[in-house]
Each structure stands twice: as C-alpha cells, then as structure tokens.
N, C-alpha and C. Protein backbone atom coordinates (compact mmCIF):
# COMPACT_ATOMS: atom_id res chain seq x y z
N UNK A 1 10.84 1.54 16.78
CA UNK A 1 10.89 2.31 15.26
C UNK A 1 9.49 2.22 14.56
N UNK A 2 8.84 3.04 13.93
CA UNK A 2 7.58 3.52 12.93
C UNK A 2 8.01 2.86 11.76
N UNK A 3 6.84 1.96 11.39
CA UNK A 3 6.77 1.52 10.35
C UNK A 3 5.33 1.95 9.49
N UNK A 4 5.78 1.71 8.19
CA UNK A 4 5.00 2.15 7.21
C UNK A 4 4.60 1.22 6.02
N UNK A 5 3.63 0.86 6.10
CA UNK A 5 3.22 -0.46 4.99
C UNK A 5 2.67 0.29 3.94
N UNK A 6 2.89 0.47 2.67
CA UNK A 6 2.29 0.93 1.46
C UNK A 6 1.54 -0.21 0.52
N UNK A 7 0.63 -0.61 0.76
CA UNK A 7 -0.02 -1.98 -0.14
C UNK A 7 -0.49 -1.50 -1.43
N UNK A 8 -0.67 -1.77 -2.58
CA UNK A 8 -0.99 -1.67 -3.69
C UNK A 8 -1.56 -2.59 -4.65
N UNK A 9 -2.45 -2.37 -5.46
CA UNK A 9 -2.98 -3.22 -6.37
C UNK A 9 -1.46 -3.62 -7.31
N UNK A 10 -1.61 -5.08 -7.91
CA UNK A 10 -0.21 -5.08 -8.96
C UNK A 10 -0.95 -4.37 -10.07
N UNK A 11 -0.11 -3.91 -10.76
CA UNK A 11 -0.29 -3.75 -12.48
C UNK A 11 -0.83 -4.65 -13.13
N UNK A 12 -2.08 -4.25 -13.94
CA UNK A 12 -2.67 -5.58 -14.54
C UNK A 12 -3.90 -5.68 -13.95
N UNK A 13 -4.25 -5.59 -12.39
CA UNK A 13 -5.11 -6.30 -11.81
C UNK A 13 -6.57 -5.07 -11.54
N UNK A 14 -7.72 -4.99 -11.87
CA UNK A 14 -8.37 -4.14 -12.38
C UNK A 14 -9.01 -3.55 -10.80
N UNK A 15 -8.53 -2.27 -10.78
CA UNK A 15 -8.99 -1.40 -9.67
C UNK A 15 -10.45 -0.85 -9.97
N UNK A 16 -11.45 -1.68 -9.10
CA UNK A 16 -12.63 -0.98 -9.27
C UNK A 16 -12.92 0.03 -8.44
N UNK A 17 -12.14 0.33 -7.15
CA UNK A 17 -12.30 1.66 -6.46
C UNK A 17 -11.94 2.54 -7.09
N UNK A 18 -10.77 2.48 -7.75
CA UNK A 18 -9.78 3.77 -8.49
C UNK A 18 -10.27 3.99 -9.71
N UNK A 19 -11.41 2.87 -10.26
CA UNK A 19 -12.44 3.84 -11.35
C UNK A 19 -13.39 4.60 -10.79
N UNK A 20 -13.93 3.55 -9.49
CA UNK A 20 -14.94 4.67 -9.04
C UNK A 20 -14.51 6.37 -8.47
N UNK A 21 -13.24 6.14 -8.34
CA UNK A 21 -12.71 7.45 -7.82
C UNK A 21 -12.34 8.56 -9.09
N UNK A 22 -11.86 7.76 -10.06
CA UNK A 22 -11.37 8.57 -11.47
C UNK A 22 -13.14 9.26 -12.08
N UNK A 23 -14.14 8.32 -11.63
CA UNK A 23 -15.23 8.85 -12.28
C UNK A 23 -15.72 10.23 -11.69
N UNK A 24 -16.03 9.82 -10.16
CA UNK A 24 -16.09 10.94 -9.12
C UNK A 24 -15.67 12.11 -9.65
N UNK A 25 -14.18 12.15 -9.73
CA UNK A 25 -13.20 13.26 -9.60
C UNK A 25 -13.38 14.02 -11.34
N UNK A 26 -13.66 12.82 -12.10
CA UNK A 26 -14.18 13.59 -13.35
C UNK A 26 -15.54 14.36 -13.37
N UNK A 27 -16.62 13.75 -12.53
CA UNK A 27 -17.94 14.61 -12.14
C UNK A 27 -17.91 15.94 -11.58
N UNK A 28 -16.69 15.89 -10.68
CA UNK A 28 -16.43 16.99 -9.93
C UNK A 28 -15.46 18.11 -11.21
N UNK A 29 -15.36 17.79 -12.28
CA UNK A 29 -14.97 18.29 -13.40
C UNK A 29 -12.86 18.50 -13.09
N UNK A 30 -13.10 17.59 -12.77
CA UNK A 30 -11.61 17.36 -12.61
C UNK A 30 -10.82 16.17 -13.67
N UNK A 31 -10.85 17.08 -15.02
CA UNK A 31 -10.84 16.11 -16.10
C UNK A 31 -9.05 15.79 -16.57
N UNK A 32 -8.28 16.55 -15.88
CA UNK A 32 -6.84 16.12 -15.81
C UNK A 32 -6.38 15.06 -14.85
N UNK A 33 -7.07 14.16 -14.52
CA UNK A 33 -6.67 13.04 -13.73
C UNK A 33 -6.85 11.77 -14.77
N UNK A 34 -5.84 10.93 -14.52
CA UNK A 34 -5.93 9.29 -15.10
C UNK A 34 -5.31 8.73 -14.34
N UNK A 35 -5.61 7.34 -14.92
CA UNK A 35 -4.73 6.11 -14.17
C UNK A 35 -4.83 6.13 -12.31
N UNK A 36 -6.33 6.23 -11.84
CA UNK A 36 -6.43 6.23 -10.59
C UNK A 36 -6.31 4.66 -9.64
N UNK A 37 -5.43 4.92 -9.22
CA UNK A 37 -5.23 3.25 -8.28
C UNK A 37 -5.32 3.74 -6.67
N UNK A 38 -6.06 2.53 -6.16
CA UNK A 38 -6.42 3.16 -4.97
C UNK A 38 -5.98 2.47 -3.76
N UNK A 39 -5.26 2.30 -2.71
CA UNK A 39 -4.12 1.11 -2.01
C UNK A 39 -4.47 1.64 -0.66
N UNK A 40 -3.83 0.88 0.36
CA UNK A 40 -3.98 1.10 1.20
C UNK A 40 -2.57 1.26 2.49
N UNK A 41 -2.65 2.19 3.44
CA UNK A 41 -1.27 2.04 4.01
C UNK A 41 -1.67 1.88 5.62
N UNK A 42 -0.66 1.13 5.85
CA UNK A 42 -0.46 0.54 7.48
C UNK A 42 0.33 1.45 8.29
N UNK A 43 0.31 1.67 9.07
CA UNK A 43 1.46 2.52 10.18
C UNK A 43 1.10 1.87 11.67
N UNK A 44 2.33 1.56 12.21
CA UNK A 44 2.48 1.02 13.36
C UNK A 44 3.85 1.30 13.85
N UNK A 45 3.74 1.22 15.23
CA UNK A 45 5.52 1.48 15.92
C UNK A 45 5.93 -0.20 16.32
N UNK A 46 7.45 -0.49 16.18
CA UNK A 46 7.61 -1.99 16.35
C UNK A 46 9.06 -1.36 17.43
N UNK A 47 8.52 -2.51 18.40
CA UNK A 47 10.08 -2.10 19.19
C UNK A 47 10.79 -3.16 19.19
N UNK A 48 11.78 -2.82 18.01
CA UNK A 48 12.90 -3.47 17.44
C UNK A 48 13.99 -2.70 17.02
N UNK A 49 15.15 -2.64 17.20
CA UNK A 49 16.26 -1.07 17.41
C UNK A 49 17.14 -2.01 16.03
N UNK A 50 17.12 -3.56 15.89
CA UNK A 50 18.11 -3.88 14.72
C UNK A 50 17.15 -3.86 13.61
N UNK A 51 17.55 -2.85 12.61
CA UNK A 51 16.93 -2.49 11.10
C UNK A 51 16.70 -3.51 10.30
N UNK A 52 17.74 -4.77 10.44
CA UNK A 52 17.68 -5.70 9.37
C UNK A 52 16.63 -6.94 9.88
N UNK A 53 16.31 -7.00 11.27
CA UNK A 53 15.39 -7.95 12.00
C UNK A 53 14.03 -7.37 11.76
N UNK A 54 14.13 -5.73 12.03
CA UNK A 54 12.65 -5.08 11.69
C UNK A 54 12.01 -5.34 10.61
N UNK A 55 13.07 -5.20 9.22
CA UNK A 55 12.46 -5.70 7.67
C UNK A 55 12.18 -6.98 7.59
N UNK A 56 12.86 -7.61 8.04
CA UNK A 56 12.50 -9.47 8.01
C UNK A 56 11.41 -9.50 8.64
N UNK A 57 10.97 -9.28 9.70
CA UNK A 57 9.66 -9.16 10.64
C UNK A 57 8.19 -8.58 9.78
N UNK A 58 8.50 -7.19 9.40
CA UNK A 58 7.63 -6.70 8.64
C UNK A 58 7.17 -7.20 7.35
N UNK A 59 8.49 -7.61 6.78
CA UNK A 59 8.24 -8.65 5.58
C UNK A 59 7.59 -9.50 5.75
N UNK A 60 7.38 -10.32 6.55
CA UNK A 60 6.75 -11.68 7.07
C UNK A 60 5.41 -11.22 7.35
N UNK A 61 4.90 -10.24 8.15
CA UNK A 61 3.75 -9.55 8.40
C UNK A 61 3.17 -9.23 6.92
N UNK A 62 3.67 -8.90 6.14
CA UNK A 62 3.29 -8.48 5.06
C UNK A 62 3.04 -9.92 4.02
N UNK A 63 3.68 -10.93 4.33
CA UNK A 63 3.56 -12.05 3.26
C UNK A 63 2.05 -12.52 3.90
N UNK A 64 2.30 -13.03 5.22
CA UNK A 64 1.21 -13.58 6.13
C UNK A 64 -0.06 -13.04 6.28
N UNK A 65 -0.17 -11.41 6.29
CA UNK A 65 -1.62 -11.16 6.95
C UNK A 65 -1.48 -9.76 6.25
N UNK A 66 -0.81 -8.79 6.29
CA UNK A 66 -1.23 -7.57 5.60
C UNK A 66 -1.73 -7.31 3.96
N UNK A 67 -0.72 -8.18 3.26
CA UNK A 67 -0.85 -8.06 2.16
C UNK A 67 -1.45 -9.50 1.46
N UNK A 68 -2.36 -9.18 0.14
CA UNK A 68 -2.50 -10.52 -0.47
C UNK A 68 -1.53 -10.37 -1.69
N UNK A 69 -0.43 -11.24 -1.31
CA UNK A 69 0.68 -11.05 -2.43
C UNK A 69 0.47 -11.55 -3.85
N UNK A 70 -0.67 -12.24 -4.09
CA UNK A 70 -1.41 -12.69 -5.18
C UNK A 70 -1.51 -11.66 -6.30
N UNK A 71 -2.34 -10.34 -5.94
CA UNK A 71 -2.85 -9.54 -6.20
C UNK A 71 -2.15 -7.98 -5.96
N UNK A 72 -1.61 -8.25 -4.89
CA UNK A 72 -1.07 -7.10 -4.34
C UNK A 72 0.55 -6.69 -4.16
N UNK A 73 0.87 -5.60 -4.29
CA UNK A 73 2.46 -5.12 -3.60
C UNK A 73 2.38 -4.51 -2.63
N UNK A 74 4.07 -4.95 -2.24
CA UNK A 74 3.80 -3.51 -0.90
C UNK A 74 5.29 -3.00 -0.71
N UNK A 75 5.05 -2.26 0.00
CA UNK A 75 6.43 -1.28 0.34
C UNK A 75 6.57 -0.86 1.67
N UNK A 76 7.81 -1.42 2.07
CA UNK A 76 8.08 -1.25 3.79
C UNK A 76 8.87 0.24 3.86
N UNK A 77 8.25 0.98 4.91
CA UNK A 77 9.66 2.29 5.31
C UNK A 77 9.43 1.64 6.78
N UNK A 78 11.00 2.10 7.11
CA UNK A 78 11.16 1.84 8.31
C UNK A 78 11.51 3.35 8.78
N UNK A 79 11.42 4.14 9.76
CA UNK A 79 11.66 5.36 10.25
C UNK A 79 12.13 5.25 11.90
N UNK A 80 13.21 5.64 12.13
CA UNK A 80 14.10 5.27 13.44
C UNK A 80 13.53 6.58 14.58
C-alpha cells in the first residue's frame, strides 16, 4: 500500500521558513495570504496488507524517525 505522511510544526512553534515564504509572497504582491506554515510530506510504499498493522508500523516510524514529536505533528494516510 501507498503511505503518505504529512509532518507540520505544532501550533505555537515559530515557523521561520513559513515566515520567509510569507514575506516572499507579499513581495510578489500576493497580499491576501496569511498564516503560512511549511511542512514536509513523506511518501513511500509499504508491503503490508493488514491496515491496522500498517498504521501501527507507520506510527512507530513517525515516532522514532520521521517526525520530531516535541515540535511536530504528523498525519498518516494509507492508500490501498
């Protein structure tokens, strides 16, 4: 199955990259943009047919490596 993990900074954590993107958009005269946050998306295939097991495995991957859970949140999407 295909796995998509979206990682983003937790609310309240300063997003300096998001601020830089927001400033760049304003300099290009996109003045209707606000609250820009930058995250990352990790996409991979997982050789697992049991959805519960896949979710448990990917959650462990996120907790151990893919996300810094002190400052980041993550969302997992499984696609068969």
